[in-house]
PDB file of N, CA and C in Angstrom:
ATOM      1  N   MET A   1       6.362 145.168 159.301  1.00  0.00           N
ATOM      2  CA  MET A   1       7.009 144.072 159.978  1.00  0.00           C
ATOM      3  C   MET A   1       8.490 144.425 160.160  1.00  0.00           C
ATOM      4  N   ARG A   2       8.958 144.295 161.374  1.00  0.00           N
ATOM      5  CA  ARG A   2      10.357 144.613 161.662  1.00  0.00           C
ATOM      6  C   ARG A   2      11.233 143.384 161.495  1.00  0.00           C
ATOM      7  N   ALA A   3      12.387 143.611 160.942  1.00  0.00           N
ATOM      8  CA  ALA A   3      13.347 142.510 160.774  1.00  0.00           C
ATOM      9  C   ALA A   3      13.965 142.160 162.123  1.00  0.00           C
ATOM     10  N   ARG A   4      14.152 140.898 162.332  1.00  0.00           N
ATOM     11  CA  ARG A   4      14.807 140.467 163.558  1.00  0.00           C
ATOM     12  C   ARG A   4      16.291 140.818 163.489  1.00  0.00           C
ATOM     13  N   PRO A   5      16.861 141.198 164.607  1.00  0.00           N
ATOM     14  CA  PRO A   5      18.300 141.489 164.587  1.00  0.00           C
ATOM     15  C   PRO A   5      19.096 140.218 164.312  1.00  0.00           C
ATOM     16  N   ARG A   6      20.159 140.390 163.554  1.00  0.00           N
ATOM     17  CA  ARG A   6      21.005 139.234 163.248  1.00  0.00           C
ATOM     18  C   ARG A   6      21.789 138.831 164.483  1.00  0.00           C
ATOM     19  N   PRO A   7      22.007 137.539 164.640  1.00  0.00           N
ATOM     20  CA  PRO A   7      22.808 137.114 165.793  1.00  0.00           C
ATOM     21  C   PRO A   7      24.249 137.596 165.617  1.00  0.00           C
ATOM     22  N   ARG A   8      24.840 137.930 166.714  1.00  0.00           N
ATOM     23  CA  ARG A   8      26.214 138.392 166.679  1.00  0.00           C
ATOM     24  C   ARG A   8      27.134 137.219 166.338  1.00  0.00           C
ATOM     25  N   PRO A   9      28.069 137.392 165.406  1.00  0.00           N
ATOM     26  CA  PRO A   9      28.944 136.279 165.058  1.00  0.00           C
ATOM     27  C   PRO A   9      29.842 135.892 166.226  1.00  0.00           C
ATOM     28  N   ALA A  10      30.109 134.621 166.321  1.00  0.00           N
ATOM     29  CA  ALA A  10      30.976 134.138 167.390  1.00  0.00           C
ATOM     30  C   ALA A  10      32.405 134.591 167.124  1.00  0.00           C
ATOM     31  N   SER A  11      33.086 134.920 168.152  1.00  0.00           N
ATOM     32  CA  SER A  11      34.476 135.329 168.037  1.00  0.00           C
ATOM     33  C   SER A  11      35.336 134.118 167.725  1.00  0.00           C
ATOM     34  N   THR A  12      36.367 134.308 166.923  1.00  0.00           N
ATOM     35  CA  THR A  12      37.276 133.211 166.636  1.00  0.00           C
ATOM     36  C   THR A  12      38.390 133.137 167.667  1.00  0.00           C
ATOM     37  N   ARG A  13      38.545 134.146 168.477  1.00  0.00           N
ATOM     38  CA  ARG A  13      39.580 134.152 169.513  1.00  0.00           C
ATOM     39  C   ARG A  13      38.983 133.636 170.814  1.00  0.00           C
ATOM     40  N   ARG A  14      39.650 132.732 171.417  1.00  0.00           N
ATOM     41  CA  ARG A  14      39.188 132.155 172.670  1.00  0.00           C
ATOM     42  C   ARG A  14      40.089 132.610 173.810  1.00  0.00           C
ATOM     43  N   ALA A  15      39.561 132.731 174.990  1.00  0.00           N
ATOM     44  CA  ALA A  15      40.311 133.222 176.141  1.00  0.00           C
ATOM     45  C   ALA A  15      41.490 132.310 176.474  1.00  0.00           C
ATOM     46  N   GLU A  16      41.342 131.011 176.241  1.00  0.00           N
ATOM     47  CA  GLU A  16      42.409 130.085 176.607  1.00  0.00           C
ATOM     48  C   GLU A  16      43.527 130.015 175.572  1.00  0.00           C
ATOM     49  N   GLN A  17      43.368 130.699 174.441  1.00  0.00           N
ATOM     50  CA  GLN A  17      44.412 130.694 173.427  1.00  0.00           C
ATOM     51  C   GLN A  17      45.615 131.486 173.894  1.00  0.00           C
ATOM     52  N   ILE A  18      46.784 131.046 173.467  1.00  0.00           N
ATOM     53  CA  ILE A  18      48.003 131.752 173.819  1.00  0.00           C
ATOM     54  C   ILE A  18      48.467 132.572 172.621  1.00  0.00           C
ATOM     55  N   ASP A  19      49.257 133.572 172.894  1.00  0.00           N
ATOM     56  CA  ASP A  19      49.821 134.403 171.841  1.00  0.00           C
ATOM     57  C   ASP A  19      51.057 133.686 171.313  1.00  0.00           C
ATOM     58  N   ASN A  20      50.926 132.977 170.198  1.00  0.00           N
ATOM     59  CA  ASN A  20      52.010 132.168 169.665  1.00  0.00           C
ATOM     60  C   ASN A  20      53.142 132.995 169.083  1.00  0.00           C
ATOM     61  N   LEU A  21      52.965 134.287 168.911  1.00  0.00           N
ATOM     62  CA  LEU A  21      54.003 135.118 168.318  1.00  0.00           C
ATOM     63  C   LEU A  21      54.972 135.673 169.353  1.00  0.00           C
ATOM     64  N   SER A  22      54.629 135.616 170.628  1.00  0.00           N
ATOM     65  CA  SER A  22      55.525 136.096 171.681  1.00  0.00           C
ATOM     66  C   SER A  22      56.499 134.972 172.047  1.00  0.00           C
ATOM     67  N   ALA A  23      57.600 135.326 172.681  1.00  0.00           N
ATOM     68  CA  ALA A  23      58.582 134.316 173.088  1.00  0.00           C
ATOM     69  C   ALA A  23      57.977 133.291 174.063  1.00  0.00           C
ATOM     70  N   PRO A  24      57.246 133.726 175.097  1.00  0.00           N
ATOM     71  CA  PRO A  24      56.629 132.726 175.985  1.00  0.00           C
ATOM     72  C   PRO A  24      55.580 131.869 175.267  1.00  0.00           C
ATOM     73  N   GLY A  25      54.831 132.470 174.345  1.00  0.00           N
ATOM     74  CA  GLY A  25      53.833 131.714 173.600  1.00  0.00           C
ATOM     75  C   GLY A  25      54.473 130.680 172.687  1.00  0.00           C
ATOM     76  N   ALA A  26      55.569 131.063 172.041  1.00  0.00           N
ATOM     77  CA  ALA A  26      56.284 130.128 171.171  1.00  0.00           C
ATOM     78  C   ALA A  26      56.874 128.993 171.998  1.00  0.00           C
ATOM     79  N   GLN A  27      57.372 129.312 173.186  1.00  0.00           N
ATOM     80  CA  GLN A  27      57.919 128.279 174.071  1.00  0.00           C
ATOM     81  C   GLN A  27      56.821 127.304 174.480  1.00  0.00           C
ATOM     82  N   ARG A  28      55.666 127.830 174.827  1.00  0.00           N
ATOM     83  CA  ARG A  28      54.533 126.973 175.220  1.00  0.00           C
ATOM     84  C   ARG A  28      54.089 126.102 174.050  1.00  0.00           C
ATOM     85  N   LEU A  29      54.034 126.661 172.846  1.00  0.00           N
ATOM     86  CA  LEU A  29      53.670 125.889 171.663  1.00  0.00           C
ATOM     87  C   LEU A  29      54.684 124.786 171.402  1.00  0.00           C
ATOM     88  N   SER A  30      55.958 125.095 171.573  1.00  0.00           N
ATOM     89  CA  SER A  30      57.018 124.105 171.405  1.00  0.00           C
ATOM     90  C   SER A  30      56.831 122.937 172.378  1.00  0.00           C
ATOM     91  N   GLU A  31      56.536 123.256 173.620  1.00  0.00           N
ATOM     92  CA  GLU A  31      56.303 122.214 174.632  1.00  0.00           C
ATOM     93  C   GLU A  31      55.075 121.378 174.298  1.00  0.00           C
ATOM     94  N   MET A  32      54.034 122.026 173.782  1.00  0.00           N
ATOM     95  CA  MET A  32      52.812 121.300 173.418  1.00  0.00           C
ATOM     96  C   MET A  32      53.082 120.322 172.283  1.00  0.00           C
ATOM     97  N   ILE A  33      53.875 120.736 171.304  1.00  0.00           N
ATOM     98  CA  ILE A  33      54.211 119.857 170.169  1.00  0.00           C
ATOM     99  C   ILE A  33      54.983 118.641 170.666  1.00  0.00           C
ATOM    100  N   ARG A  34      56.027 118.877 171.468  1.00  0.00           N
ATOM    101  CA  ARG A  34      56.828 117.761 171.976  1.00  0.00           C
ATOM    102  C   ARG A  34      56.006 116.855 172.886  1.00  0.00           C
ATOM    103  N   SER A  35      55.154 117.428 173.707  1.00  0.00           N
ATOM    104  CA  SER A  35      54.314 116.639 174.604  1.00  0.00           C
ATOM    105  C   SER A  35      53.337 115.761 173.834  1.00  0.00           C
ATOM    106  N   PHE A  36      52.724 116.326 172.785  1.00  0.00           N
ATOM    107  CA  PHE A  36      51.775 115.565 171.970  1.00  0.00           C
ATOM    108  C   PHE A  36      52.444 114.347 171.360  1.00  0.00           C
ATOM    109  N   TRP A  37      53.589 114.554 170.719  1.00  0.00           N
ATOM    110  CA  TRP A  37      54.263 113.449 170.032  1.00  0.00           C
ATOM    111  C   TRP A  37      54.887 112.475 171.022  1.00  0.00           C
ATOM    112  N   SER A  38      55.303 112.952 172.172  1.00  0.00           N
ATOM    113  CA  SER A  38      55.841 112.058 173.193  1.00  0.00           C
ATOM    114  C   SER A  38      54.754 111.118 173.703  1.00  0.00           C
ATOM    115  N   ALA A  39      53.558 111.651 173.888  1.00  0.00           N
ATOM    116  CA  ALA A  39      52.427 110.821 174.332  1.00  0.00           C
ATOM    117  C   ALA A  39      52.065 109.774 173.276  1.00  0.00           C
ATOM    118  N   ALA A  40      52.359 110.067 172.008  1.00  0.00           N
ATOM    119  CA  ALA A  40      52.080 109.124 170.927  1.00  0.00           C
ATOM    120  C   ALA A  40      53.233 108.131 170.745  1.00  0.00           C
ATOM    121  N   GLY A  41      54.283 108.274 171.562  1.00  0.00           N
ATOM    122  CA  GLY A  41      55.388 107.326 171.516  1.00  0.00           C
ATOM    123  C   GLY A  41      56.582 107.774 170.691  1.00  0.00           C
ATOM    124  N   PHE A  42      56.597 109.015 170.247  1.00  0.00           N
ATOM    125  CA  PHE A  42      57.707 109.522 169.444  1.00  0.00           C
ATOM    126  C   PHE A  42      58.550 110.458 170.314  1.00  0.00           C
ATOM    127  N   ASN A  43      59.717 109.987 170.695  1.00  0.00           N
ATOM    128  CA  ASN A  43      60.589 110.782 171.551  1.00  0.00           C
ATOM    129  C   ASN A  43      61.713 111.442 170.763  1.00  0.00           C
ATOM    130  N   ASN A  44      61.641 111.398 169.445  1.00  0.00           N
ATOM    131  CA  ASN A  44      62.695 111.958 168.607  1.00  0.00           C
ATOM    132  C   ASN A  44      62.319 113.309 168.001  1.00  0.00           C
ATOM    133  N   ILE A  45      61.340 113.983 168.574  1.00  0.00           N
ATOM    134  CA  ILE A  45      60.904 115.280 168.056  1.00  0.00           C
ATOM    135  C   ILE A  45      61.750 116.375 168.691  1.00  0.00           C
ATOM    136  N   ARG A  46      62.342 117.209 167.837  1.00  0.00           N
ATOM    137  CA  ARG A  46      63.136 118.337 168.318  1.00  0.00           C
ATOM    138  C   ARG A  46      62.448 119.626 167.894  1.00  0.00           C
ATOM    139  N   THR A  47      62.423 120.597 168.783  1.00  0.00           N
ATOM    140  CA  THR A  47      61.864 121.911 168.473  1.00  0.00           C
ATOM    141  C   THR A  47      62.844 122.974 168.943  1.00  0.00           C
ATOM    142  N   GLU A  48      62.756 124.138 168.320  1.00  0.00           N
ATOM    143  CA  GLU A  48      63.555 125.279 168.751  1.00  0.00           C
ATOM    144  C   GLU A  48      62.765 126.556 168.512  1.00  0.00           C
ATOM    145  N   ILE A  49      63.013 127.551 169.349  1.00  0.00           N
ATOM    146  CA  ILE A  49      62.362 128.852 169.235  1.00  0.00           C
ATOM    147  C   ILE A  49      63.275 129.733 168.382  1.00  0.00           C
ATOM    148  N   VAL A  50      62.724 130.369 167.364  1.00  0.00           N
ATOM    149  CA  VAL A  50      63.517 131.214 166.470  1.00  0.00           C
ATOM    150  C   VAL A  50      62.871 132.588 166.341  1.00  0.00           C
ATOM    151  N   HIS A  51      63.712 133.595 166.204  1.00  0.00           N
ATOM    152  CA  HIS A  51      63.234 134.959 165.960  1.00  0.00           C
ATOM    153  C   HIS A  51      62.831 135.026 164.494  1.00  0.00           C
ATOM    154  N   SER A  52      61.587 135.362 164.224  1.00  0.00           N
ATOM    155  CA  SER A  52      61.062 135.313 162.860  1.00  0.00           C
ATOM    156  C   SER A  52      60.843 136.677 162.234  1.00  0.00           C
ATOM    157  N   GLY A  53      61.169 137.728 162.915  1.00  0.00           N
ATOM    158  CA  GLY A  53      60.989 139.059 162.340  1.00  0.00           C
ATOM    159  C   GLY A  53      60.304 139.994 163.308  1.00  0.00           C
ATOM    160  N   GLY A  54      59.546 140.912 162.743  1.00  0.00           N
ATOM    161  CA  GLY A  54      58.897 141.920 163.555  1.00  0.00           C
ATOM    162  C   GLY A  54      59.841 143.085 163.787  1.00  0.00           C
ATOM    163  N   SER A  55      59.405 144.037 164.548  1.00  0.00           N
ATOM    164  CA  SER A  55      60.231 145.195 164.854  1.00  0.00           C
ATOM    165  C   SER A  55      60.912 144.997 166.200  1.00  0.00           C
ATOM    166  N   GLY A  56      61.807 145.904 166.525  1.00  0.00           N
ATOM    167  CA  GLY A  56      62.473 145.837 167.824  1.00  0.00           C
ATOM    168  C   GLY A  56      61.493 145.965 168.974  1.00  0.00           C
ATOM    169  N   GLU A  57      60.419 146.722 168.748  1.00  0.00           N
ATOM    170  CA  GLU A  57      59.410 146.918 169.787  1.00  0.00           C
ATOM    171  C   GLU A  57      58.439 145.749 169.884  1.00  0.00           C
ATOM    172  N   ALA A  58      58.223 145.072 168.758  1.00  0.00           N
ATOM    173  CA  ALA A  58      57.280 143.949 168.732  1.00  0.00           C
ATOM    174  C   ALA A  58      57.887 142.787 167.943  1.00  0.00           C
ATOM    175  N   PRO A  59      58.850 142.077 168.542  1.00  0.00           N
ATOM    176  CA  PRO A  59      59.466 140.952 167.825  1.00  0.00           C
ATOM    177  C   PRO A  59      58.478 139.806 167.641  1.00  0.00           C
ATOM    178  N   VAL A  60      58.693 139.048 166.602  1.00  0.00           N
ATOM    179  CA  VAL A  60      57.849 137.894 166.298  1.00  0.00           C
ATOM    180  C   VAL A  60      58.704 136.643 166.447  1.00  0.00           C
ATOM    181  N   TRP A  61      58.179 135.657 167.168  1.00  0.00           N
ATOM    182  CA  TRP A  61      58.902 134.417 167.424  1.00  0.00           C
ATOM    183  C   TRP A  61      58.156 133.257 166.781  1.00  0.00           C
ATOM    184  N   GLY A  62      58.873 132.226 166.421  1.00  0.00           N
ATOM    185  CA  GLY A  62      58.280 131.054 165.798  1.00  0.00           C
ATOM    186  C   GLY A  62      58.884 129.782 166.359  1.00  0.00           C
ATOM    187  N   VAL A  63      58.324 128.659 165.956  1.00  0.00           N
ATOM    188  CA  VAL A  63      58.798 127.351 166.389  1.00  0.00           C
ATOM    189  C   VAL A  63      59.251 126.582 165.161  1.00  0.00           C
ATOM    190  N   ARG A  64      60.439 126.054 165.232  1.00  0.00           N
ATOM    191  CA  ARG A  64      60.969 125.205 164.166  1.00  0.00           C
ATOM    192  C   ARG A  64      61.086 123.797 164.735  1.00  0.00           C
ATOM    193  N   SER A  65      60.803 122.789 163.922  1.00  0.00           N
ATOM    194  CA  SER A  65      60.887 121.407 164.404  1.00  0.00           C
ATOM    195  C   SER A  65      61.424 120.512 163.301  1.00  0.00           C
ATOM    196  N   ASN A  66      61.671 119.268 163.659  1.00  0.00           N
ATOM    197  CA  ASN A  66      62.112 118.296 162.670  1.00  0.00           C
ATOM    198  C   ASN A  66      60.944 117.485 162.106  1.00  0.00           C
ATOM    199  N   LEU A  67      59.713 117.954 162.304  1.00  0.00           N
ATOM    200  CA  LEU A  67      58.551 117.314 161.692  1.00  0.00           C
ATOM    201  C   LEU A  67      58.581 117.557 160.189  1.00  0.00           C
ATOM    202  N   ARG A  68      58.162 116.577 159.415  1.00  0.00           N
ATOM    203  CA  ARG A  68      58.060 116.708 157.968  1.00  0.00           C
ATOM    204  C   ARG A  68      56.618 116.439 157.561  1.00  0.00           C
ATOM    205  N   ASN A  69      56.006 117.418 156.911  1.00  0.00           N
ATOM    206  CA  ASN A  69      54.581 117.320 156.550  1.00  0.00           C
ATOM    207  C   ASN A  69      53.733 116.999 157.784  1.00  0.00           C
ATOM    208  N   ALA A  70      54.094 117.607 158.899  1.00  0.00           N
ATOM    209  CA  ALA A  70      53.395 117.476 160.182  1.00  0.00           C
ATOM    210  C   ALA A  70      53.499 116.081 160.782  1.00  0.00           C
ATOM    211  N   LEU A  71      54.463 115.285 160.317  1.00  0.00           N
ATOM    212  CA  LEU A  71      54.671 113.937 160.846  1.00  0.00           C
ATOM    213  C   LEU A  71      56.086 113.799 161.387  1.00  0.00           C
ATOM    214  N   PRO A  72      56.288 112.883 162.345  1.00  0.00           N
ATOM    215  CA  PRO A  72      57.629 112.685 162.901  1.00  0.00           C
ATOM    216  C   PRO A  72      58.591 112.173 161.841  1.00  0.00           C
ATOM    217  N   PRO A  73      59.904 112.348 162.075  1.00  0.00           N
ATOM    218  CA  PRO A  73      60.889 111.823 161.135  1.00  0.00           C
ATOM    219  C   PRO A  73      60.820 110.300 161.090  1.00  0.00           C
ATOM    220  N   HIS A  74      61.312 109.737 160.012  1.00  0.00           N
ATOM    221  CA  HIS A  74      61.328 108.265 159.882  1.00  0.00           C
ATOM    222  C   HIS A  74      62.143 107.662 161.009  1.00  0.00           C
ATOM    223  N   GLY A  75      61.840 106.451 161.347  1.00  0.00           N
ATOM    224  CA  GLY A  75      62.549 105.765 162.419  1.00  0.00           C
ATOM    225  C   GLY A  75      61.602 105.202 163.440  1.00  0.00           C
ATOM    226  N   GLY A  76      60.345 105.606 163.375  1.00  0.00           N
ATOM    227  CA  GLY A  76      59.347 105.031 164.253  1.00  0.00           C
ATOM    228  C   GLY A  76      59.354 105.590 165.644  1.00  0.00           C
ATOM    229  N   ALA A  77      58.645 104.922 166.525  1.00  0.00           N
ATOM    230  CA  ALA A  77      58.429 105.404 167.875  1.00  0.00           C
ATOM    231  C   ALA A  77      59.592 105.119 168.811  1.00  0.00           C
ATOM    232  N   ASN A  78      60.588 104.351 168.361  1.00  0.00           N
ATOM    233  CA  ASN A  78      61.683 104.033 169.268  1.00  0.00           C
ATOM    234  C   ASN A  78      62.711 105.138 169.381  1.00  0.00           C
ATOM    235  N   GLY A  79      62.549 106.227 168.610  1.00  0.00           N
ATOM    236  CA  GLY A  79      63.436 107.368 168.731  1.00  0.00           C
ATOM    237  C   GLY A  79      64.611 107.348 167.798  1.00  0.00           C
ATOM    238  N   ASP A  80      64.734 106.337 166.945  1.00  0.00           N
ATOM    239  CA  ASP A  80      65.847 106.255 166.012  1.00  0.00           C
ATOM    240  C   ASP A  80      65.516 107.019 164.740  1.00  0.00           C
ATOM    241  N   ALA A  81      65.927 108.262 164.667  1.00  0.00           N
ATOM    242  CA  ALA A  81      65.692 109.059 163.473  1.00  0.00           C
ATOM    243  C   ALA A  81      66.725 108.690 162.413  1.00  0.00           C
ATOM    244  N   ARG A  82      66.268 108.579 161.175  1.00  0.00           N
ATOM    245  CA  ARG A  82      67.185 108.274 160.065  1.00  0.00           C
ATOM    246  C   ARG A  82      67.380 109.469 159.199  1.00  0.00           C
TER     247      ARG A  82
END
């Protein structure tokens, strides 16, 4: 009796994913974060793109924000950060 071939595992990388480590990818991620929270009524979210390391040939970029524990700063949806 021959064993059936195992199914090929699904890839974890999707075609629509962006490269978050590149400068354009970090910029897009920053916009997505601000857009998400703006749609939820929080207009006090600030983000910035920062150089996080890597080599001169392959720099690594990141996104810094004023979110705390993945939540907006205190002050509510009216934009008044405390």
